[in-house]
Amino acid sequence: WGDFAHFTIYTAQVNSFMPSGLALTLAVLGTIFESLFGVALVLGLFTRAAAIGSACLLAIFAFSMTISLGIKAPLDYSVFGDCAAAMLLTQWHRFRWSIDDLVARKHEQTPTQPSPCVVT
């Protein structure tokens, strides 16, 4: 696309069933959520929530592309496969080498303080 203006035009094409005045809003929101989910997944921060958000965003994108551009477009860009991968990630229980894992290990290693006994 090259710049945000062309991306906004593409967003309007993908969301042809929506009012054209929403193209800029959808482009901005899509960019914000893609960036947030991508950074969270790379860092391993709130991994399950980021994977769920990514799967939902990719599903919306895939269905929008299918409605507006036909089934070939999302298949060419592997949007359905990416959505499935994000859904698979939501089923993982432990994310090694992630901030989530560091926090979980820290909580596991922290000794619990015994509760004070109250003698009456």
PDB file of N, CA and C in Angstrom:
ATOM      1  N   TRP A   1       0.827  -1.193   0.000  1.00  0.00           N
ATOM      2  CA  TRP A   1       0.000   0.000   0.000  1.00  0.00           C
ATOM      3  C   TRP A   1       0.861   1.241   0.000  1.00  0.00           C
ATOM      4  N   GLY A   2       1.894   1.276   0.785  1.00  0.00           N
ATOM      5  CA  GLY A   2       2.815   2.403   0.770  1.00  0.00           C
ATOM      6  C   GLY A   2       2.547   3.465   1.810  1.00  0.00           C
ATOM      7  N   ASP A   3       1.296   3.819   2.022  1.00  0.00           N
ATOM      8  CA  ASP A   3       0.983   4.832   3.027  1.00  0.00           C
ATOM      9  C   ASP A   3      -0.411   4.555   3.600  1.00  0.00           C
ATOM     10  N   PHE A   4      -0.741   5.312   4.631  1.00  0.00           N
ATOM     11  CA  PHE A   4      -2.000   5.060   5.337  1.00  0.00           C
ATOM     12  C   PHE A   4      -3.215   5.415   4.490  1.00  0.00           C
ATOM     13  N   ALA A   5      -3.079   6.376   3.606  1.00  0.00           N
ATOM     14  CA  ALA A   5      -4.209   6.755   2.735  1.00  0.00           C
ATOM     15  C   ALA A   5      -4.604   5.586   1.833  1.00  0.00           C
ATOM     16  N   HIS A   6      -3.606   4.910   1.256  1.00  0.00           N
ATOM     17  CA  HIS A   6      -3.904   3.751   0.418  1.00  0.00           C
ATOM     18  C   HIS A   6      -4.449   2.587   1.249  1.00  0.00           C
ATOM     19  N   PHE A   7      -3.929   2.450   2.470  1.00  0.00           N
ATOM     20  CA  PHE A   7      -4.448   1.413   3.361  1.00  0.00           C
ATOM     21  C   PHE A   7      -5.913   1.667   3.703  1.00  0.00           C
ATOM     22  N   THR A   8      -6.285   2.917   3.894  1.00  0.00           N
ATOM     23  CA  THR A   8      -7.675   3.268   4.184  1.00  0.00           C
ATOM     24  C   THR A   8      -8.574   2.939   2.995  1.00  0.00           C
ATOM     25  N   ILE A   9      -8.088   3.175   1.794  1.00  0.00           N
ATOM     26  CA  ILE A   9      -8.850   2.813   0.588  1.00  0.00           C
ATOM     27  C   ILE A   9      -9.046   1.299   0.531  1.00  0.00           C
ATOM     28  N   TYR A  10      -7.979   0.553   0.825  1.00  0.00           N
ATOM     29  CA  TYR A  10      -8.076  -0.911   0.840  1.00  0.00           C
ATOM     30  C   TYR A  10      -9.061  -1.379   1.920  1.00  0.00           C
ATOM     31  N   THR A  11      -9.019  -0.727   3.088  1.00  0.00           N
ATOM     32  CA  THR A  11      -9.953  -1.055   4.170  1.00  0.00           C
ATOM     33  C   THR A  11     -11.397  -0.850   3.714  1.00  0.00           C
ATOM     34  N   ALA A  12     -11.650   0.210   2.980  1.00  0.00           N
ATOM     35  CA  ALA A  12     -12.995   0.462   2.447  1.00  0.00           C
ATOM     36  C   ALA A  12     -13.403  -0.623   1.460  1.00  0.00           C
ATOM     37  N   GLN A  13     -12.456  -1.121   0.659  1.00  0.00           N
ATOM     38  CA  GLN A  13     -12.754  -2.199  -0.289  1.00  0.00           C
ATOM     39  C   GLN A  13     -13.076  -3.500   0.440  1.00  0.00           C
ATOM     40  N   VAL A  14     -12.279  -3.827   1.472  1.00  0.00           N
ATOM     41  CA  VAL A  14     -12.495  -5.065   2.224  1.00  0.00           C
ATOM     42  C   VAL A  14     -13.809  -5.009   2.994  1.00  0.00           C
ATOM     43  N   ASN A  15     -14.190  -3.837   3.438  1.00  0.00           N
ATOM     44  CA  ASN A  15     -15.429  -3.657   4.196  1.00  0.00           C
ATOM     45  C   ASN A  15     -16.478  -2.953   3.340  1.00  0.00           C
ATOM     46  N   SER A  16     -16.642  -3.408   2.117  1.00  0.00           N
ATOM     47  CA  SER A  16     -17.558  -2.757   1.181  1.00  0.00           C
ATOM     48  C   SER A  16     -19.011  -2.790   1.646  1.00  0.00           C
ATOM     49  N   PHE A  17     -19.347  -3.670   2.545  1.00  0.00           N
ATOM     50  CA  PHE A  17     -20.706  -3.775   3.069  1.00  0.00           C
ATOM     51  C   PHE A  17     -20.967  -2.779   4.197  1.00  0.00           C
ATOM     52  N   MET A  18     -19.921  -2.087   4.653  1.00  0.00           N
ATOM     53  CA  MET A  18     -20.047  -1.083   5.710  1.00  0.00           C
ATOM     54  C   MET A  18     -20.167   0.301   5.079  1.00  0.00           C
ATOM     55  N   PRO A  19     -20.716   1.274   5.801  1.00  0.00           N
ATOM     56  CA  PRO A  19     -20.746   2.644   5.269  1.00  0.00           C
ATOM     57  C   PRO A  19     -19.326   3.141   4.992  1.00  0.00           C
ATOM     58  N   SER A  20     -19.130   3.815   3.875  1.00  0.00           N
ATOM     59  CA  SER A  20     -17.786   4.245   3.472  1.00  0.00           C
ATOM     60  C   SER A  20     -17.161   5.231   4.461  1.00  0.00           C
ATOM     61  N   GLY A  21     -17.988   5.936   5.209  1.00  0.00           N
ATOM     62  CA  GLY A  21     -17.471   6.878   6.199  1.00  0.00           C
ATOM     63  C   GLY A  21     -16.753   6.209   7.363  1.00  0.00           C
ATOM     64  N   LEU A  22     -16.928   4.897   7.512  1.00  0.00           N
ATOM     65  CA  LEU A  22     -16.267   4.178   8.600  1.00  0.00           C
ATOM     66  C   LEU A  22     -14.891   3.651   8.218  1.00  0.00           C
ATOM     67  N   ALA A  23     -14.481   3.822   6.984  1.00  0.00           N
ATOM     68  CA  ALA A  23     -13.214   3.242   6.515  1.00  0.00           C
ATOM     69  C   ALA A  23     -12.025   3.716   7.337  1.00  0.00           C
ATOM     70  N   LEU A  24     -11.943   5.010   7.591  1.00  0.00           N
ATOM     71  CA  LEU A  24     -10.818   5.537   8.365  1.00  0.00           C
ATOM     72  C   LEU A  24     -10.838   4.980   9.787  1.00  0.00           C
ATOM     73  N   THR A  25     -12.003   4.949  10.408  1.00  0.00           N
ATOM     74  CA  THR A  25     -12.125   4.417  11.766  1.00  0.00           C
ATOM     75  C   THR A  25     -11.715   2.950  11.813  1.00  0.00           C
ATOM     76  N   LEU A  26     -12.188   2.169  10.852  1.00  0.00           N
ATOM     77  CA  LEU A  26     -11.835   0.750  10.806  1.00  0.00           C
ATOM     78  C   LEU A  26     -10.344   0.555  10.559  1.00  0.00           C
ATOM     79  N   ALA A  27      -9.760   1.378   9.707  1.00  0.00           N
ATOM     80  CA  ALA A  27      -8.324   1.283   9.437  1.00  0.00           C
ATOM     81  C   ALA A  27      -7.502   1.600  10.685  1.00  0.00           C
ATOM     82  N   VAL A  28      -7.896   2.636  11.405  1.00  0.00           N
ATOM     83  CA  VAL A  28      -7.171   3.016  12.628  1.00  0.00           C
ATOM     84  C   VAL A  28      -7.338   1.945  13.694  1.00  0.00           C
ATOM     85  N   LEU A  29      -8.572   1.492  13.934  1.00  0.00           N
ATOM     86  CA  LEU A  29      -8.807   0.464  14.941  1.00  0.00           C
ATOM     87  C   LEU A  29      -8.105  -0.843  14.588  1.00  0.00           C
ATOM     88  N   GLY A  30      -8.167  -1.227  13.324  1.00  0.00           N
ATOM     89  CA  GLY A  30      -7.486  -2.444  12.899  1.00  0.00           C
ATOM     90  C   GLY A  30      -5.989  -2.362  13.136  1.00  0.00           C
ATOM     91  N   THR A  31      -5.401  -1.223  12.810  1.00  0.00           N
ATOM     92  CA  THR A  31      -3.962  -1.029  13.008  1.00  0.00           C
ATOM     93  C   THR A  31      -3.598  -1.078  14.488  1.00  0.00           C
ATOM     94  N   ILE A  32      -4.400  -0.422  15.316  1.00  0.00           N
ATOM     95  CA  ILE A  32      -4.127  -0.413  16.763  1.00  0.00           C
ATOM     96  C   ILE A  32      -4.196  -1.825  17.328  1.00  0.00           C
ATOM     97  N   PHE A  33      -5.272  -2.555  17.022  1.00  0.00           N
ATOM     98  CA  PHE A  33      -5.420  -3.897  17.573  1.00  0.00           C
ATOM     99  C   PHE A  33      -4.377  -4.861  17.021  1.00  0.00           C
ATOM    100  N   GLU A  34      -4.070  -4.778  15.732  1.00  0.00           N
ATOM    101  CA  GLU A  34      -3.022  -5.631  15.167  1.00  0.00           C
ATOM    102  C   GLU A  34      -1.694  -5.371  15.866  1.00  0.00           C
ATOM    103  N   SER A  35      -1.374  -4.111  16.102  1.00  0.00           N
ATOM    104  CA  SER A  35      -0.118  -3.761  16.765  1.00  0.00           C
ATOM    105  C   SER A  35      -0.083  -4.260  18.204  1.00  0.00           C
ATOM    106  N   LEU A  36      -1.161  -4.019  18.944  1.00  0.00           N
ATOM    107  CA  LEU A  36      -1.213  -4.466  20.342  1.00  0.00           C
ATOM    108  C   LEU A  36      -1.101  -5.980  20.459  1.00  0.00           C
ATOM    109  N   PHE A  37      -1.881  -6.696  19.669  1.00  0.00           N
ATOM    110  CA  PHE A  37      -1.848  -8.160  19.738  1.00  0.00           C
ATOM    111  C   PHE A  37      -0.489  -8.695  19.290  1.00  0.00           C
ATOM    112  N   GLY A  38       0.080  -8.109  18.243  1.00  0.00           N
ATOM    113  CA  GLY A  38       1.382  -8.563  17.749  1.00  0.00           C
ATOM    114  C   GLY A  38       2.482  -8.375  18.773  1.00  0.00           C
ATOM    115  N   VAL A  39       2.551  -7.204  19.377  1.00  0.00           N
ATOM    116  CA  VAL A  39       3.575  -6.939  20.396  1.00  0.00           C
ATOM    117  C   VAL A  39       3.370  -7.846  21.601  1.00  0.00           C
ATOM    118  N   ALA A  40       2.129  -8.011  22.034  1.00  0.00           N
ATOM    119  CA  ALA A  40       1.845  -8.882  23.178  1.00  0.00           C
ATOM    120  C   ALA A  40       2.254 -10.320  22.895  1.00  0.00           C
ATOM    121  N   LEU A  41       1.998 -10.808  21.691  1.00  0.00           N
ATOM    122  CA  LEU A  41       2.382 -12.180  21.348  1.00  0.00           C
ATOM    123  C   LEU A  41       3.890 -12.338  21.267  1.00  0.00           C
ATOM    124  N   VAL A  42       4.577 -11.373  20.702  1.00  0.00           N
ATOM    125  CA  VAL A  42       6.037 -11.462  20.597  1.00  0.00           C
ATOM    126  C   VAL A  42       6.684 -11.434  21.982  1.00  0.00           C
ATOM    127  N   LEU A  43       6.177 -10.584  22.858  1.00  0.00           N
ATOM    128  CA  LEU A  43       6.724 -10.491  24.211  1.00  0.00           C
ATOM    129  C   LEU A  43       6.249 -11.621  25.123  1.00  0.00           C
ATOM    130  N   GLY A  44       5.155 -12.250  24.755  1.00  0.00           N
ATOM    131  CA  GLY A  44       4.597 -13.274  25.636  1.00  0.00           C
ATOM    132  C   GLY A  44       3.896 -12.647  26.823  1.00  0.00           C
ATOM    133  N   LEU A  45       3.252 -11.539  26.594  1.00  0.00           N
ATOM    134  CA  LEU A  45       2.545 -10.809  27.645  1.00  0.00           C
ATOM    135  C   LEU A  45       1.048 -10.949  27.415  1.00  0.00           C
ATOM    136  N   PHE A  46       0.344 -11.484  28.404  1.00  0.00           N
ATOM    137  CA  PHE A  46      -1.087 -11.777  28.259  1.00  0.00           C
ATOM    138  C   PHE A  46      -1.322 -12.614  26.998  1.00  0.00           C
ATOM    139  N   THR A  47      -0.549 -13.670  26.879  1.00  0.00           N
ATOM    140  CA  THR A  47      -0.497 -14.444  25.642  1.00  0.00           C
ATOM    141  C   THR A  47      -1.846 -15.015  25.244  1.00  0.00           C
ATOM    142  N   ARG A  48      -2.546 -15.623  26.180  1.00  0.00           N
ATOM    143  CA  ARG A  48      -3.843 -16.230  25.834  1.00  0.00           C
ATOM    144  C   ARG A  48      -4.842 -15.169  25.382  1.00  0.00           C
ATOM    145  N   ALA A  49      -4.916 -14.058  26.087  1.00  0.00           N
ATOM    146  CA  ALA A  49      -5.839 -12.987  25.710  1.00  0.00           C
ATOM    147  C   ALA A  49      -5.457 -12.402  24.346  1.00  0.00           C
ATOM    148  N   ALA A  50      -4.164 -12.242  24.098  1.00  0.00           N
ATOM    149  CA  ALA A  50      -3.713 -11.721  22.804  1.00  0.00           C
ATOM    150  C   ALA A  50      -4.026 -12.707  21.686  1.00  0.00           C
ATOM    151  N   ALA A  51      -3.908 -13.995  21.964  1.00  0.00           N
ATOM    152  CA  ALA A  51      -4.230 -15.007  20.948  1.00  0.00           C
ATOM    153  C   ALA A  51      -5.729 -15.009  20.648  1.00  0.00           C
ATOM    154  N   ILE A  52      -6.551 -14.877  21.666  1.00  0.00           N
ATOM    155  CA  ILE A  52      -8.001 -14.810  21.457  1.00  0.00           C
ATOM    156  C   ILE A  52      -8.352 -13.567  20.645  1.00  0.00           C
ATOM    157  N   GLY A  53      -7.775 -12.427  21.008  1.00  0.00           N
ATOM    158  CA  GLY A  53      -8.013 -11.198  20.265  1.00  0.00           C
ATOM    159  C   GLY A  53      -7.548 -11.304  18.825  1.00  0.00           C
ATOM    160  N   SER A  54      -6.388 -11.911  18.620  1.00  0.00           N
ATOM    161  CA  SER A  54      -5.872 -12.099  17.262  1.00  0.00           C
ATOM    162  C   SER A  54      -6.786 -13.002  16.447  1.00  0.00           C
ATOM    163  N   ALA A  55      -7.244 -14.085  17.061  1.00  0.00           N
ATOM    164  CA  ALA A  55      -8.147 -15.010  16.351  1.00  0.00           C
ATOM    165  C   ALA A  55      -9.438 -14.303  15.959  1.00  0.00           C
ATOM    166  N   CYS A  56      -9.988 -13.527  16.867  1.00  0.00           N
ATOM    167  CA  CYS A  56     -11.225 -12.794  16.547  1.00  0.00           C
ATOM    168  C   CYS A  56     -10.992 -11.771  15.443  1.00  0.00           C
ATOM    169  N   LEU A  57      -9.907 -11.015  15.540  1.00  0.00           N
ATOM    170  CA  LEU A  57      -9.606 -10.016  14.524  1.00  0.00           C
ATOM    171  C   LEU A  57      -9.367 -10.669  13.166  1.00  0.00           C
ATOM    172  N   LEU A  58      -8.641 -11.776  13.141  1.00  0.00           N
ATOM    173  CA  LEU A  58      -8.387 -12.479  11.887  1.00  0.00           C
ATOM    174  C   LEU A  58      -9.673 -13.077  11.309  1.00  0.00           C
ATOM    175  N   ALA A  59     -10.558 -13.575  12.178  1.00  0.00           N
ATOM    176  CA  ALA A  59     -11.831 -14.120  11.692  1.00  0.00           C
ATOM    177  C   ALA A  59     -12.682 -13.013  11.062  1.00  0.00           C
ATOM    178  N   ILE A  60     -12.735 -11.859  11.708  1.00  0.00           N
ATOM    179  CA  ILE A  60     -13.473 -10.718  11.147  1.00  0.00           C
ATOM    180  C   ILE A  60     -12.872 -10.317   9.807  1.00  0.00           C
ATOM    181  N   PHE A  61     -11.547 -10.259   9.756  1.00  0.00           N
ATOM    182  CA  PHE A  61     -10.858  -9.891   8.522  1.00  0.00           C
ATOM    183  C   PHE A  61     -11.136 -10.918   7.424  1.00  0.00           C
ATOM    184  N   ALA A  62     -11.072 -12.201   7.753  1.00  0.00           N
ATOM    185  CA  ALA A  62     -11.309 -13.259   6.761  1.00  0.00           C
ATOM    186  C   ALA A  62     -12.726 -13.205   6.211  1.00  0.00           C
ATOM    187  N   PHE A  63     -13.695 -13.050   7.087  1.00  0.00           N
ATOM    188  CA  PHE A  63     -15.085 -13.008   6.627  1.00  0.00           C
ATOM    189  C   PHE A  63     -15.381 -11.723   5.848  1.00  0.00           C
ATOM    190  N   SER A  64     -14.784 -10.615   6.251  1.00  0.00           N
ATOM    191  CA  SER A  64     -14.947  -9.366   5.499  1.00  0.00           C
ATOM    192  C   SER A  64     -14.353  -9.497   4.106  1.00  0.00           C
ATOM    193  N   MET A  65     -13.166 -10.088   4.037  1.00  0.00           N
ATOM    194  CA  MET A  65     -12.539 -10.302   2.729  1.00  0.00           C
ATOM    195  C   MET A  65     -13.391 -11.226   1.862  1.00  0.00           C
ATOM    196  N   THR A  66     -13.941 -12.270   2.462  1.00  0.00           N
ATOM    197  CA  THR A  66     -14.758 -13.223   1.708  1.00  0.00           C
ATOM    198  C   THR A  66     -16.005 -12.553   1.157  1.00  0.00           C
ATOM    199  N   ILE A  67     -16.676 -11.763   1.981  1.00  0.00           N
ATOM    200  CA  ILE A  67     -17.894 -11.076   1.543  1.00  0.00           C
ATOM    201  C   ILE A  67     -17.586 -10.077   0.431  1.00  0.00           C
ATOM    202  N   SER A  68     -16.525  -9.303   0.606  1.00  0.00           N
ATOM    203  CA  SER A  68     -16.239  -8.211  -0.326  1.00  0.00           C
ATOM    204  C   SER A  68     -15.427  -8.621  -1.550  1.00  0.00           C
ATOM    205  N   LEU A  69     -14.479  -9.539  -1.358  1.00  0.00           N
ATOM    206  CA  LEU A  69     -13.541  -9.850  -2.434  1.00  0.00           C
ATOM    207  C   LEU A  69     -13.641 -11.278  -2.942  1.00  0.00           C
ATOM    208  N   GLY A  70     -14.436 -12.106  -2.283  1.00  0.00           N
ATOM    209  CA  GLY A  70     -14.540 -13.503  -2.678  1.00  0.00           C
ATOM    210  C   GLY A  70     -13.635 -14.382  -1.832  1.00  0.00           C
ATOM    211  N   ILE A  71     -13.844 -15.680  -1.928  1.00  0.00           N
ATOM    212  CA  ILE A  71     -13.130 -16.637  -1.073  1.00  0.00           C
ATOM    213  C   ILE A  71     -11.643 -16.728  -1.409  1.00  0.00           C
ATOM    214  N   LYS A  72     -11.270 -16.407  -2.648  1.00  0.00           N
ATOM    215  CA  LYS A  72      -9.878 -16.549  -3.063  1.00  0.00           C
ATOM    216  C   LYS A  72      -8.945 -15.611  -2.293  1.00  0.00           C
ATOM    217  N   ALA A  73      -9.378 -14.401  -1.995  1.00  0.00           N
ATOM    218  CA  ALA A  73      -8.524 -13.406  -1.337  1.00  0.00           C
ATOM    219  C   ALA A  73      -8.040 -13.864   0.042  1.00  0.00           C
ATOM    220  N   PRO A  74      -8.922 -14.279   0.955  1.00  0.00           N
ATOM    221  CA  PRO A  74      -8.397 -14.709   2.253  1.00  0.00           C
ATOM    222  C   PRO A  74      -7.590 -16.003   2.163  1.00  0.00           C
ATOM    223  N   LEU A  75      -7.890 -16.840   1.177  1.00  0.00           N
ATOM    224  CA  LEU A  75      -7.094 -18.050   1.000  1.00  0.00           C
ATOM    225  C   LEU A  75      -5.703 -17.708   0.473  1.00  0.00           C
ATOM    226  N   ASP A  76      -5.610 -16.734  -0.429  1.00  0.00           N
ATOM    227  CA  ASP A  76      -4.304 -16.311  -0.957  1.00  0.00           C
ATOM    228  C   ASP A  76      -3.402 -15.758   0.133  1.00  0.00           C
ATOM    229  N   TYR A  77      -3.988 -15.076   1.108  1.00  0.00           N
ATOM    230  CA  TYR A  77      -3.211 -14.470   2.194  1.00  0.00           C
ATOM    231  C   TYR A  77      -3.178 -15.337   3.450  1.00  0.00           C
ATOM    232  N   SER A  78      -3.671 -16.550   3.392  1.00  0.00           N
ATOM    233  CA  SER A  78      -3.660 -17.509   4.506  1.00  0.00           C
ATOM    234  C   SER A  78      -4.313 -16.964   5.771  1.00  0.00           C
ATOM    235  N   VAL A  79      -5.347 -16.172   5.612  1.00  0.00           N
ATOM    236  CA  VAL A  79      -5.995 -15.564   6.774  1.00  0.00           C
ATOM    237  C   VAL A  79      -6.702 -16.633   7.619  1.00  0.00           C
ATOM    238  N   PHE A  80      -7.337 -17.608   6.975  1.00  0.00           N
ATOM    239  CA  PHE A  80      -8.004 -18.667   7.729  1.00  0.00           C
ATOM    240  C   PHE A  80      -6.984 -19.510   8.499  1.00  0.00           C
ATOM    241  N   GLY A  81      -5.847 -19.787   7.881  1.00  0.00           N
ATOM    242  CA  GLY A  81      -4.794 -20.547   8.554  1.00  0.00           C
ATOM    243  C   GLY A  81      -4.215 -19.797   9.734  1.00  0.00           C
ATOM    244  N   ASP A  82      -4.026 -18.490   9.576  1.00  0.00           N
ATOM    245  CA  ASP A  82      -3.528 -17.668  10.677  1.00  0.00           C
ATOM    246  C   ASP A  82      -4.529 -17.630  11.823  1.00  0.00           C
ATOM    247  N   CYS A  83      -5.809 -17.551  11.492  1.00  0.00           N
ATOM    248  CA  CYS A  83      -6.861 -17.556  12.507  1.00  0.00           C
ATOM    249  C   CYS A  83      -6.850 -18.877  13.265  1.00  0.00           C
ATOM    250  N   ALA A  84      -6.706 -19.982  12.536  1.00  0.00           N
ATOM    251  CA  ALA A  84      -6.655 -21.301  13.177  1.00  0.00           C
ATOM    252  C   ALA A  84      -5.429 -21.425  14.080  1.00  0.00           C
ATOM    253  N   ALA A  85      -4.296 -20.896  13.646  1.00  0.00           N
ATOM    254  CA  ALA A  85      -3.085 -20.934  14.470  1.00  0.00           C
ATOM    255  C   ALA A  85      -3.274 -20.129  15.760  1.00  0.00           C
ATOM    256  N   ALA A  86      -3.915 -18.982  15.663  1.00  0.00           N
ATOM    257  CA  ALA A  86      -4.176 -18.175  16.852  1.00  0.00           C
ATOM    258  C   ALA A  86      -5.119 -18.910  17.802  1.00  0.00           C
ATOM    259  N   MET A  87      -6.138 -19.588  17.240  1.00  0.00           N
ATOM    260  CA  MET A  87      -7.049 -20.362  18.094  1.00  0.00           C
ATOM    261  C   MET A  87      -6.324 -21.528  18.758  1.00  0.00           C
ATOM    262  N   LEU A  88      -5.396 -22.156  18.047  1.00  0.00           N
ATOM    263  CA  LEU A  88      -4.608 -23.237  18.622  1.00  0.00           C
ATOM    264  C   LEU A  88      -3.759 -22.728  19.774  1.00  0.00           C
ATOM    265  N   LEU A  89      -3.192 -21.549  19.620  1.00  0.00           N
ATOM    266  CA  LEU A  89      -2.376 -20.956  20.670  1.00  0.00           C
ATOM    267  C   LEU A  89      -3.182 -20.702  21.944  1.00  0.00           C
ATOM    268  N   THR A  90      -4.469 -20.444  21.815  1.00  0.00           N
ATOM    269  CA  THR A  90      -5.293 -20.205  23.006  1.00  0.00           C
ATOM    270  C   THR A  90      -5.415 -21.457  23.873  1.00  0.00           C
ATOM    271  N   GLN A  91      -5.140 -22.627  23.309  1.00  0.00           N
ATOM    272  CA  GLN A  91      -5.271 -23.885  24.049  1.00  0.00           C
ATOM    273  C   GLN A  91      -3.992 -24.290  24.769  1.00  0.00           C
ATOM    274  N   TRP A  92      -2.903 -23.562  24.542  1.00  0.00           N
ATOM    275  CA  TRP A  92      -1.630 -23.869  25.178  1.00  0.00           C
ATOM    276  C   TRP A  92      -1.727 -23.511  26.655  1.00  0.00           C
ATOM    277  N   HIS A  93      -1.065 -24.285  27.510  1.00  0.00           N
ATOM    278  CA  HIS A  93      -1.172 -24.036  28.947  1.00  0.00           C
ATOM    279  C   HIS A  93       0.026 -23.281  29.514  1.00  0.00           C
ATOM    280  N   ARG A  94       1.177 -23.460  28.911  1.00  0.00           N
ATOM    281  CA  ARG A  94       2.381 -22.787  29.417  1.00  0.00           C
ATOM    282  C   ARG A  94       3.154 -22.227  28.234  1.00  0.00           C
ATOM    283  N   PHE A  95       3.587 -21.003  28.340  1.00  0.00           N
ATOM    284  CA  PHE A  95       4.289 -20.331  27.257  1.00  0.00           C
ATOM    285  C   PHE A  95       5.736 -20.089  27.686  1.00  0.00           C
ATOM    286  N   ARG A  96       6.635 -21.023  27.325  1.00  0.00           N
ATOM    287  CA  ARG A  96       8.040 -20.881  27.688  1.00  0.00           C
ATOM    288  C   ARG A  96       8.627 -19.638  27.060  1.00  0.00           C
ATOM    289  N   TRP A  97       9.623 -19.087  27.714  1.00  0.00           N
ATOM    290  CA  TRP A  97      10.345 -17.910  27.234  1.00  0.00           C
ATOM    291  C   TRP A  97       9.417 -16.717  27.032  1.00  0.00           C
ATOM    292  N   SER A  98       8.449 -16.565  27.887  1.00  0.00           N
ATOM    293  CA  SER A  98       7.523 -15.442  27.794  1.00  0.00           C
ATOM    294  C   SER A  98       7.483 -14.702  29.129  1.00  0.00           C
ATOM    295  N   ILE A  99       6.996 -13.493  29.091  1.00  0.00           N
ATOM    296  CA  ILE A  99       6.816 -12.732  30.327  1.00  0.00           C
ATOM    297  C   ILE A  99       5.781 -13.429  31.212  1.00  0.00           C
ATOM    298  N   ASP A 100       4.747 -13.992  30.593  1.00  0.00           N
ATOM    299  CA  ASP A 100       3.740 -14.728  31.359  1.00  0.00           C
ATOM    300  C   ASP A 100       4.376 -15.857  32.147  1.00  0.00           C
ATOM    301  N   ASP A 101       5.309 -16.593  31.533  1.00  0.00           N
ATOM    302  CA  ASP A 101       5.969 -17.710  32.201  1.00  0.00           C
ATOM    303  C   ASP A 101       6.871 -17.224  33.325  1.00  0.00           C
ATOM    304  N   LEU A 102       7.584 -16.112  33.099  1.00  0.00           N
ATOM    305  CA  LEU A 102       8.424 -15.555  34.160  1.00  0.00           C
ATOM    306  C   LEU A 102       7.599 -15.172  35.385  1.00  0.00           C
ATOM    307  N   VAL A 103       6.467 -14.555  35.139  1.00  0.00           N
ATOM    308  CA  VAL A 103       5.587 -14.151  36.243  1.00  0.00           C
ATOM    309  C   VAL A 103       5.040 -15.386  36.961  1.00  0.00           C
ATOM    310  N   ALA A 104       4.638 -16.397  36.198  1.00  0.00           N
ATOM    311  CA  ALA A 104       4.098 -17.619  36.807  1.00  0.00           C
ATOM    312  C   ALA A 104       5.160 -18.323  37.648  1.00  0.00           C
ATOM    313  N   ARG A 105       6.398 -18.400  37.139  1.00  0.00           N
ATOM    314  CA  ARG A 105       7.470 -19.047  37.907  1.00  0.00           C
ATOM    315  C   ARG A 105       7.806 -18.256  39.159  1.00  0.00           C
ATOM    316  N   LYS A 106       7.740 -16.939  39.077  1.00  0.00           N
ATOM    317  CA  LYS A 106       8.023 -16.111  40.248  1.00  0.00           C
ATOM    318  C   LYS A 106       6.995 -16.372  41.342  1.00  0.00           C
ATOM    319  N   HIS A 107       5.709 -16.513  40.941  1.00  0.00           N
ATOM    320  CA  HIS A 107       4.658 -16.784  41.921  1.00  0.00           C
ATOM    321  C   HIS A 107       4.788 -18.184  42.507  1.00  0.00           C
ATOM    322  N   GLU A 108       5.286 -19.127  41.719  1.00  0.00           N
ATOM    323  CA  GLU A 108       5.480 -20.490  42.218  1.00  0.00           C
ATOM    324  C   GLU A 108       6.614 -20.555  43.221  1.00  0.00           C
ATOM    325  N   GLN A 109       7.670 -19.745  43.040  1.00  0.00           N
ATOM    326  CA  GLN A 109       8.839 -19.786  43.903  1.00  0.00           C
ATOM    327  C   GLN A 109       8.695 -18.943  45.158  1.00  0.00           C
ATOM    328  N   THR A 110       7.764 -18.033  45.171  1.00  0.00           N
ATOM    329  CA  THR A 110       7.573 -17.163  46.327  1.00  0.00           C
ATOM    330  C   THR A 110       7.004 -17.986  47.481  1.00  0.00           C
ATOM    331  N   PRO A 111       7.755 -18.055  48.590  1.00  0.00           N
ATOM    332  CA  PRO A 111       7.227 -18.826  49.724  1.00  0.00           C
ATOM    333  C   PRO A 111       6.006 -18.119  50.321  1.00  0.00           C
ATOM    334  N   THR A 112       5.061 -18.903  50.693  1.00  0.00           N
ATOM    335  CA  THR A 112       3.864 -18.322  51.300  1.00  0.00           C
ATOM    336  C   THR A 112       4.145 -18.053  52.771  1.00  0.00           C
ATOM    337  N   GLN A 113       3.636 -16.966  53.234  1.00  0.00           N
ATOM    338  CA  GLN A 113       3.804 -16.595  54.631  1.00  0.00           C
ATOM    339  C   GLN A 113       2.787 -17.354  55.471  1.00  0.00           C
ATOM    340  N   PRO A 114       3.247 -17.984  56.526  1.00  0.00           N
ATOM    341  CA  PRO A 114       2.271 -18.670  57.393  1.00  0.00           C
ATOM    342  C   PRO A 114       1.360 -17.654  58.048  1.00  0.00           C
ATOM    343  N   SER A 115       0.133 -18.007  58.158  1.00  0.00           N
ATOM    344  CA  SER A 115      -0.808 -17.091  58.802  1.00  0.00           C
ATOM    345  C   SER A 115      -0.543 -17.118  60.307  1.00  0.00           C
ATOM    346  N   PRO A 116      -0.625 -15.953  60.929  1.00  0.00           N
ATOM    347  CA  PRO A 116      -0.363 -15.915  62.371  1.00  0.00           C
ATOM    348  C   PRO A 116      -1.458 -16.653  63.125  1.00  0.00           C
ATOM    349  N   CYS A 117      -1.007 -17.393  64.111  1.00  0.00           N
ATOM    350  CA  CYS A 117      -1.963 -18.131  64.939  1.00  0.00           C
ATOM    351  C   CYS A 117      -2.500 -17.201  66.021  1.00  0.00           C
ATOM    352  N   VAL A 118      -3.740 -17.213  66.157  1.00  0.00           N
ATOM    353  CA  VAL A 118      -4.367 -16.396  67.184  1.00  0.00           C
ATOM    354  C   VAL A 118      -4.865 -17.343  68.260  1.00  0.00           C
ATOM    355  N   VAL A 119      -4.341 -17.151  69.453  1.00  0.00           N
ATOM    356  CA  VAL A 119      -4.751 -17.985  70.566  1.00  0.00           C
ATOM    357  C   VAL A 119      -5.757 -17.212  71.384  1.00  0.00           C
ATOM    358  N   THR A 120      -6.883 -17.818  71.607  1.00  0.00           N
ATOM    359  CA  THR A 120      -7.894 -17.124  72.387  1.00  0.00           C
ATOM    360  C   THR A 120      -8.060 -17.737  73.729  1.00  0.00           C
TER     361      THR A 120
END
